[in-house]
C-alpha atoms as a PDB file:
ATOM      1  CA  MET A   1      11.985  24.387  -9.681  1.00  0.00           C
ATOM      2  CA  LEU A   2      15.054  22.475  -8.512  1.00  0.00           C
ATOM      3  CA  LYS A   3      15.141  24.484  -5.262  1.00  0.00           C
ATOM      4  CA  ILE A   4      11.773  23.003  -4.330  1.00  0.00           C
ATOM      5  CA  PHE A   5      13.100  19.469  -4.858  1.00  0.00           C
ATOM      6  CA  ASN A   6      16.186  20.208  -2.748  1.00  0.00           C
ATOM      7  CA  LYS A   7      13.914  20.947   0.235  1.00  0.00           C
ATOM      8  CA  ILE A   8      12.395  17.448   0.090  1.00  0.00           C
ATOM      9  CA  SER A   9      14.455  15.474   2.573  1.00  0.00           C
ATOM     10  CA  ASN A  10      13.415  11.964   1.549  1.00  0.00           C
ATOM     11  CA  PRO A  11      15.549  10.970  -1.476  1.00  0.00           C
ATOM     12  CA  LEU A  12      13.030   8.409  -2.763  1.00  0.00           C
ATOM     13  CA  LEU A  13      10.190  10.944  -2.659  1.00  0.00           C
ATOM     14  CA  ARG A  14      12.415  13.587  -4.264  1.00  0.00           C
ATOM     15  CA  GLN A  15      13.278  11.221  -7.135  1.00  0.00           C
ATOM     16  CA  PHE A  16       9.595  10.322  -7.654  1.00  0.00           C
ATOM     17  CA  MET A  17       8.587  13.999  -7.761  1.00  0.00           C
ATOM     18  CA  GLU A  18      11.399  14.806 -10.206  1.00  0.00           C
ATOM     19  CA  GLU A  19      10.119  12.060 -12.531  1.00  0.00           C
ATOM     20  CA  GLN A  20       6.635  13.594 -12.702  1.00  0.00           C
ATOM     21  CA  ASN A  21       5.800  16.191 -15.324  1.00  0.00           C
ATOM     22  CA  LEU A  22       4.943  18.945 -12.839  1.00  0.00           C
ATOM     23  CA  ARG A  23       3.458  21.199 -15.513  1.00  0.00           C
ATOM     24  CA  GLU A  24       0.846  18.544 -16.305  1.00  0.00           C
ATOM     25  CA  LEU A  25       0.358  17.825 -12.604  1.00  0.00           C
ATOM     26  CA  PHE A  26      -0.442  21.481 -11.835  1.00  0.00           C
ATOM     27  CA  THR A  27      -2.199  22.584 -15.042  1.00  0.00           C
ATOM     28  CA  LYS A  28      -4.065  19.432 -16.075  1.00  0.00           C
ATOM     29  CA  ARG A  29      -4.030  17.895 -12.578  1.00  0.00           C
ATOM     30  CA  GLU A  30      -2.733  14.744 -14.251  1.00  0.00           C
ATOM     31  CA  PHE A  31      -0.094  12.311 -13.025  1.00  0.00           C
ATOM     32  CA  ARG A  32       1.767   9.601 -14.910  1.00  0.00           C
ATOM     33  CA  ILE A  33       3.510   6.581 -13.489  1.00  0.00           C
ATOM     34  CA  THR A  34       5.567   5.031 -16.251  1.00  0.00           C
ATOM     35  CA  GLU A  35       6.069   1.341 -16.839  1.00  0.00           C
ATOM     36  CA  GLU A  36       9.814   1.961 -16.337  1.00  0.00           C
ATOM     37  CA  LEU A  37       9.075   3.168 -12.780  1.00  0.00           C
ATOM     38  CA  PHE A  38       6.917   0.095 -12.143  1.00  0.00           C
ATOM     39  CA  GLN A  39       9.610  -2.153 -13.607  1.00  0.00           C
ATOM     40  CA  ARG A  40      12.301  -0.565 -11.466  1.00  0.00           C
ATOM     41  CA  GLU A  41      10.344  -0.344  -8.213  1.00  0.00           C
ATOM     42  CA  LEU A  42       7.981  -3.308  -8.304  1.00  0.00           C
ATOM     43  CA  VAL A  43       9.367  -5.948 -10.576  1.00  0.00           C
ATOM     44  CA  SER A  44      13.140  -5.668 -10.276  1.00  0.00           C
ATOM     45  CA  THR A  45      13.286  -6.779  -6.664  1.00  0.00           C
ATOM     46  CA  GLY A  46      15.619  -9.621  -7.580  1.00  0.00           C
ATOM     47  CA  GLU A  47      15.169 -12.911  -9.333  1.00  0.00           C
ATOM     48  CA  GLU A  48      13.844 -15.879  -7.451  1.00  0.00           C
ATOM     49  CA  ASP A  49      14.528 -19.517  -8.200  1.00  0.00           C
ATOM     50  CA  ASP A  50      11.060 -20.228  -9.553  1.00  0.00           C
ATOM     51  CA  ILE A  51      10.060 -16.853 -11.140  1.00  0.00           C
ATOM     52  CA  ARG A  52      12.231 -15.317 -13.856  1.00  0.00           C
ATOM     53  CA  GLU A  53      12.222 -12.561 -16.456  1.00  0.00           C
ATOM     54  CA  LEU A  54       9.275 -10.766 -14.855  1.00  0.00           C
ATOM     55  CA  GLU A  55       8.191  -7.757 -16.924  1.00  0.00           C
ATOM     56  CA  ILE A  56       5.262  -5.331 -16.902  1.00  0.00           C
ATOM     57  CA  ARG A  57       3.942  -3.350 -19.876  1.00  0.00           C
ATOM     58  CA  PHE A  58       1.084  -0.872 -20.155  1.00  0.00           C
ATOM     59  CA  HIS A  59      -1.234  -0.753 -23.147  1.00  0.00           C
ATOM     60  CA  ASP A  60      -4.362   1.212 -23.943  1.00  0.00           C
ATOM     61  CA  GLY A  61      -6.861   0.082 -21.288  1.00  0.00           C
ATOM     62  CA  TYR A  62      -4.836  -2.679 -19.647  1.00  0.00           C
ATOM     63  CA  GLY A  63      -1.502  -3.727 -18.218  1.00  0.00           C
ATOM     64  CA  GLU A  64       0.273  -6.965 -18.987  1.00  0.00           C
ATOM     65  CA  ILE A  65       2.658  -8.912 -16.819  1.00  0.00           C
ATOM     66  CA  THR A  66       4.837 -11.620 -18.350  1.00  0.00           C
ATOM     67  CA  GLY A  67       7.547 -13.944 -17.144  1.00  0.00           C
ATOM     68  CA  LYS A  68       8.693 -17.509 -16.749  1.00  0.00           C
ATOM     69  CA  VAL A  69       8.041 -19.867 -13.893  1.00  0.00           C
ATOM     70  CA  ARG A  70       9.702 -23.138 -12.986  1.00  0.00           C
ATOM     71  CA  LYS A  71       7.775 -25.724 -11.083  1.00  0.00           C
ATOM     72  CA  ARG A  72       9.676 -28.722  -9.910  1.00  0.00           C
ATOM     73  CA  PRO A  73      10.008 -31.531 -11.017  1.00  0.00           C
ATOM     74  CA  LEU A  74       9.694 -30.052 -14.545  1.00  0.00           C
ATOM     75  CA  PRO A  75      13.170 -29.447 -16.016  1.00  0.00           C
ATOM     76  CA  PHE A  76      12.128 -26.339 -17.994  1.00  0.00           C
ATOM     77  CA  ASP A  77      10.547 -22.897 -17.519  1.00  0.00           C
ATOM     78  CA  ILE A  78       6.909 -22.228 -18.410  1.00  0.00           C
ATOM     79  CA  SER A  79       6.169 -18.824 -19.937  1.00  0.00           C
ATOM     80  CA  PHE A  80       3.119 -17.035 -18.556  1.00  0.00           C
ATOM     81  CA  SER A  81       1.268 -13.783 -19.048  1.00  0.00           C
ATOM     82  CA  ALA A  82      -1.667 -12.079 -17.410  1.00  0.00           C
ATOM     83  CA  ARG A  83      -3.710  -9.114 -18.466  1.00  0.00           C
ATOM     84  CA  LEU A  84      -4.452  -6.627 -15.669  1.00  0.00           C
ATOM     85  CA  THR A  85      -7.434  -4.301 -15.757  1.00  0.00           C
ATOM     86  CA  LEU A  86      -8.250  -1.607 -13.238  1.00  0.00           C
ATOM     87  CA  GLN A  87     -11.282  -2.732 -11.285  1.00  0.00           C
ATOM     88  CA  ARG A  88     -11.555   0.278  -8.966  1.00  0.00           C
ATOM     89  CA  VAL A  89      -9.675   3.012  -7.125  1.00  0.00           C
ATOM     90  CA  ASP A  90     -10.258   3.578  -3.406  1.00  0.00           C
ATOM     91  CA  PHE A  91      -8.638   6.868  -2.451  1.00  0.00           C
ATOM     92  CA  THR A  92     -10.068   8.021   0.864  1.00  0.00           C
ATOM     93  CA  PRO A  93      -8.573   9.018   4.222  1.00  0.00           C
ATOM     94  CA  GLU A  94      -9.319   5.446   5.392  1.00  0.00           C
ATOM     95  CA  GLY A  95      -7.156   3.883   2.690  1.00  0.00           C
ATOM     96  CA  ARG A  96      -5.621   4.391  -0.732  1.00  0.00           C
ATOM     97  CA  TYR A  97      -5.831   1.318  -2.931  1.00  0.00           C
ATOM     98  CA  LEU A  98      -5.799   0.315  -6.572  1.00  0.00           C
ATOM     99  CA  VAL A  99      -7.699  -2.904  -7.199  1.00  0.00           C
ATOM    100  CA  LEU A 100      -6.580  -4.765 -10.320  1.00  0.00           C
ATOM    101  CA  LYS A 101      -8.315  -7.737 -11.901  1.00  0.00           C
ATOM    102  CA  ALA A 102      -6.117 -10.488 -13.338  1.00  0.00           C
ATOM    103  CA  ASP A 103      -7.713 -11.542 -16.642  1.00  0.00           C
ATOM    104  CA  GLU A 104      -6.583 -13.714 -19.523  1.00  0.00           C
ATOM    105  CA  VAL A 105      -3.970 -15.624 -17.563  1.00  0.00           C
ATOM    106  CA  LYS A 106      -1.996 -17.790 -20.015  1.00  0.00           C
ATOM    107  CA  PRO A 107      -1.172 -20.597 -20.607  1.00  0.00           C
ATOM    108  CA  PHE A 108      -3.591 -21.453 -17.807  1.00  0.00           C
ATOM    109  CA  SER A 109      -4.738 -19.850 -14.573  1.00  0.00           C
ATOM    110  CA  LEU A 110      -2.459 -20.702 -11.689  1.00  0.00           C
ATOM    111  CA  ASP A 111      -3.372 -18.970  -8.453  1.00  0.00           C
ATOM    112  CA  TRP A 112      -0.165 -20.204  -6.812  1.00  0.00           C
ATOM    113  CA  VAL A 113       1.941 -18.416  -9.462  1.00  0.00           C
ATOM    114  CA  THR A 114      -0.033 -15.196  -9.091  1.00  0.00           C
ATOM    115  CA  ALA A 115       0.047 -15.394  -5.304  1.00  0.00           C
ATOM    116  CA  ARG A 116       3.803 -16.039  -5.418  1.00  0.00           C
ATOM    117  CA  ILE A 117       4.477 -13.052  -7.706  1.00  0.00           C
ATOM    118  CA  VAL A 118       2.232 -10.763  -5.666  1.00  0.00           C
ATOM    119  CA  GLY A 119       3.785 -12.046  -2.431  1.00  0.00           C
ATOM    120  CA  ARG A 120       7.201 -10.752  -3.549  1.00  0.00           C
ATOM    121  CA  VAL A 121       5.963  -7.157  -3.215  1.00  0.00           C
ATOM    122  CA  PRO A 122       5.121  -6.036   0.348  1.00  0.00           C
ATOM    123  CA  PHE A 123       2.389  -3.567  -0.664  1.00  0.00           C
ATOM    124  CA  LEU A 124       0.464  -6.003  -2.896  1.00  0.00           C
ATOM    125  CA  THR A 125      -2.048  -8.619  -1.783  1.00  0.00           C
ATOM    126  CA  TRP A 126      -3.912 -11.309  -3.729  1.00  0.00           C
ATOM    127  CA  GLN A 127      -7.593 -11.849  -2.942  1.00  0.00           C
ATOM    128  CA  ALA A 128      -9.985 -13.950  -5.033  1.00  0.00           C
ATOM    129  CA  GLY A 129      -8.681 -13.008  -8.461  1.00  0.00           C
ATOM    130  CA  SER A 130      -7.828  -9.404  -7.588  1.00  0.00           C
ATOM    131  CA  ILE A 131      -4.522  -7.744  -6.854  1.00  0.00           C
ATOM    132  CA  ILE A 132      -4.795  -4.980  -4.272  1.00  0.00           C
ATOM    133  CA  CYS A 133      -2.070  -2.337  -4.267  1.00  0.00           C
ATOM    134  CA  ASP A 134      -1.855  -0.341  -1.028  1.00  0.00           C
ATOM    135  CA  LEU A 135      -0.473   2.973  -2.286  1.00  0.00           C
ATOM    136  CA  ALA A 136       0.367   4.143   1.242  1.00  0.00           C
ATOM    137  CA  ARG A 137       2.836   1.238   1.642  1.00  0.00           C
ATOM    138  CA  ILE A 138       4.847   1.954  -1.527  1.00  0.00           C
ATOM    139  CA  PRO A 139       8.252   3.169  -0.267  1.00  0.00           C
ATOM    140  CA  LYS A 140       8.397   6.180  -2.612  1.00  0.00           C
ATOM    141  CA  LEU A 141       4.851   7.263  -1.827  1.00  0.00           C
ATOM    142  CA  ALA A 142       4.615   6.481   1.902  1.00  0.00           C
ATOM    143  CA  PRO A 143       6.242   9.775   3.006  1.00  0.00           C
ATOM    144  CA  LEU A 144       3.812  11.694   0.815  1.00  0.00           C
ATOM    145  CA  PHE A 145       0.770   9.926   2.259  1.00  0.00           C
ATOM    146  CA  GLY A 146       2.078  10.285   5.811  1.00  0.00           C
ATOM    147  CA  ALA A 147       2.859  14.001   5.533  1.00  0.00           C
ATOM    148  CA  SER A 148       1.018  16.381   7.823  1.00  0.00           C
ATOM    149  CA  VAL A 149       0.964  20.112   8.395  1.00  0.00           C
ATOM    150  CA  LYS A 150       0.054  21.033  11.970  1.00  0.00           C
ATOM    151  CA  GLY A 151      -1.814  17.756  12.398  1.00  0.00           C
ATOM    152  CA  VAL A 152      -3.710  18.003   9.094  1.00  0.00           C
ATOM    153  CA  HIS A 153      -2.991  15.513   6.337  1.00  0.00           C
ATOM    154  CA  PRO A 154      -3.229  17.440   3.026  1.00  0.00           C
ATOM    155  CA  LEU A 155      -3.835  14.251   1.047  1.00  0.00           C
ATOM    156  CA  ASP A 156      -7.077  13.730   2.972  1.00  0.00           C
ATOM    157  CA  PHE A 157      -8.417  16.457   0.662  1.00  0.00           C
ATOM    158  CA  VAL A 158      -7.159  14.861  -2.539  1.00  0.00           C
ATOM    159  CA  THR A 159      -8.787  12.145  -4.575  1.00  0.00           C
ATOM    160  CA  LEU A 160      -7.891  10.306  -7.760  1.00  0.00           C
ATOM    161  CA  ARG A 161     -10.218   9.904 -10.704  1.00  0.00           C
ATOM    162  CA  ASP A 162     -10.093   8.741 -14.291  1.00  0.00           C
ATOM    163  CA  VAL A 163      -7.205   6.376 -13.563  1.00  0.00           C
ATOM    164  CA  THR A 164      -6.465   4.375 -16.720  1.00  0.00           C
ATOM    165  CA  PHE A 165      -3.784   2.355 -18.372  1.00  0.00           C
ATOM    166  CA  GLN A 166      -2.356   4.111 -21.412  1.00  0.00           C
ATOM    167  CA  THR A 167       0.481   3.028 -23.655  1.00  0.00           C
ATOM    168  CA  GLY A 168       3.607   3.224 -21.484  1.00  0.00           C
ATOM    169  CA  ALA A 169       2.036   4.664 -18.310  1.00  0.00           C
ATOM    170  CA  LEU A 170      -0.682   4.533 -15.678  1.00  0.00           C
ATOM    171  CA  VAL A 171      -2.398   7.918 -15.916  1.00  0.00           C
ATOM    172  CA  GLY A 172      -4.868   9.572 -13.607  1.00  0.00           C
ATOM    173  CA  ARG A 173      -6.327  12.878 -12.596  1.00  0.00           C
ATOM    174  CA  VAL A 174      -5.970  14.519  -9.195  1.00  0.00           C
ATOM    175  CA  LYS A 175      -8.956  16.342  -7.679  1.00  0.00           C
ATOM    176  CA  ILE A 176      -9.093  18.528  -4.580  1.00  0.00           C
ATOM    177  CA  VAL A 177     -12.087  17.880  -2.314  1.00  0.00           C
ATOM    178  CA  LEU A 178     -12.968  20.389   0.379  1.00  0.00           C
END
């Protein structure tokens, strides 16, 4: 199996594929993106002055993001958390998006905090209480979504279904559509 990975020229894509359980991907047509991968790729983009200790965890049916925010002139950090639920998955040739709903924002709902956190990540956008993740703009996935064989994009024939949060991972099923 390692010989296949050696032929993948993009090191980020190669690392992502090595992290997947390929047996489950091929036999069950199931993929898993662990919270460690999310933490490493999405959250750990460097601390900012006003957002600290950002962390994401996956539970059965929802994700949770926690951290601390400092808003001047307050001399202390305010802890916050938000529960994320999967609103829908758009996985078509026109676009590949996960739409997450931010629920149970504590201690109180602050759109400026959410917008600021989401704004740190170039493939996330904040729109009216929803976080939209453009899968095709994620650096590790972009080469996969842009791949073509003689002008045909193989992922145009793939769709995602049954995407759910499970303890420790975002899990979904891959389906081939002809």
